[in-house]
Protein backbone atom coordinates (compact mmCIF):
# COMPACT_ATOMS: atom_id res chain seq x y z
CA MET A 1 -8.54 20.32 -6.88
CA ALA A 2 -7.55 19.47 -3.28
CA ARG A 3 -4.43 21.22 -3.24
CA THR A 4 -5.82 24.36 -4.31
CA ALA A 5 -8.68 24.65 -1.40
CA LEU A 6 -6.01 23.22 0.81
CA ILE A 7 -3.68 26.29 0.09
CA GLN A 8 -6.65 29.01 0.26
CA HIS A 9 -7.47 27.50 3.62
CA GLY A 10 -3.98 27.87 5.24
CA TYR A 11 -2.26 24.83 4.58
CA ARG A 12 1.33 24.78 3.07
CA TRP A 13 1.99 22.29 0.07
CA VAL A 14 5.22 20.96 1.03
CA ARG A 15 7.12 20.68 -2.59
CA ASP A 16 10.81 18.88 -1.63
CA THR A 17 9.40 15.54 -0.50
CA GLY A 18 9.00 14.06 -3.47
CA GLU A 19 5.16 13.27 -3.24
CA ASP A 20 2.07 15.82 -4.17
CA SER A 21 0.34 15.30 -1.42
CA VAL A 22 1.96 16.61 1.75
CA PHE A 23 0.62 19.47 3.32
CA VAL A 24 1.67 21.26 6.59
CA ARG A 25 -0.63 23.84 8.57
CA SER A 26 1.56 25.93 11.17
CA ILE A 27 -0.49 27.48 14.22
CA GLU A 28 1.67 29.76 16.12
CA GLY A 29 3.31 28.46 19.45
CA ARG A 30 2.05 24.86 18.59
CA GLN A 31 3.49 22.01 16.82
CA PRO A 32 2.35 21.96 13.03
CA VAL A 33 0.15 19.25 11.70
CA LEU A 34 0.89 16.99 8.98
CA LEU A 35 -1.48 16.54 6.31
CA LEU A 36 -1.24 13.56 3.36
CA VAL A 37 -3.79 13.30 0.81
CA TYR A 38 -4.46 10.24 -1.28
CA VAL A 39 -7.29 9.78 -3.95
CA ASP A 40 -9.93 9.40 -1.79
CA ASP A 41 -8.47 9.48 1.65
CA PHE A 42 -6.80 11.91 3.63
CA GLN A 43 -4.09 11.11 7.47
CA ILE A 44 -3.20 13.76 9.50
CA VAL A 45 -0.64 13.86 12.29
CA GLY A 46 -0.12 15.84 14.82
CA GLU A 47 -1.13 17.00 18.58
CA ARG A 48 -4.44 15.10 19.29
CA GLU A 49 -6.39 18.53 19.61
CA LEU A 50 -5.25 20.30 16.45
CA ALA A 51 -5.42 16.47 14.69
CA VAL A 52 -9.08 16.39 15.55
CA VAL A 53 -9.80 20.29 14.55
CA ALA A 54 -7.75 19.70 11.36
CA HIS A 55 -9.86 16.59 10.02
CA HIS A 56 -13.32 18.22 10.73
CA HIS A 57 -11.92 21.23 8.43
CA VAL A 58 -10.89 19.07 5.64
CA ALA A 59 -13.28 16.62 5.93
CA GLY A 60 -15.63 19.49 5.42
CA LEU A 61 -13.90 20.96 2.70
CA PHE A 62 -14.33 17.89 0.69
CA GLY A 63 -18.01 16.15 1.83
CA ALA A 64 -16.27 13.46 3.58
CA SER A 65 -18.34 11.98 6.21
CA GLN A 66 -17.36 11.50 9.77
CA GLN A 67 -17.60 7.28 9.91
């Protein structure tokens, strides 16, 4: 399950949003990265440098292509 994999890799599930698909990854001294997971896609919001790192990380976890 995506939720389990993301939690195991440092993402925190945000439960009080009314959605099951919102995660945050905090990095000390930086703004957190927000991750929204859909059935077959994901969106990442945050500082560009951190968002790019998170994108590669999440894509690698789920075998997504870099297209």
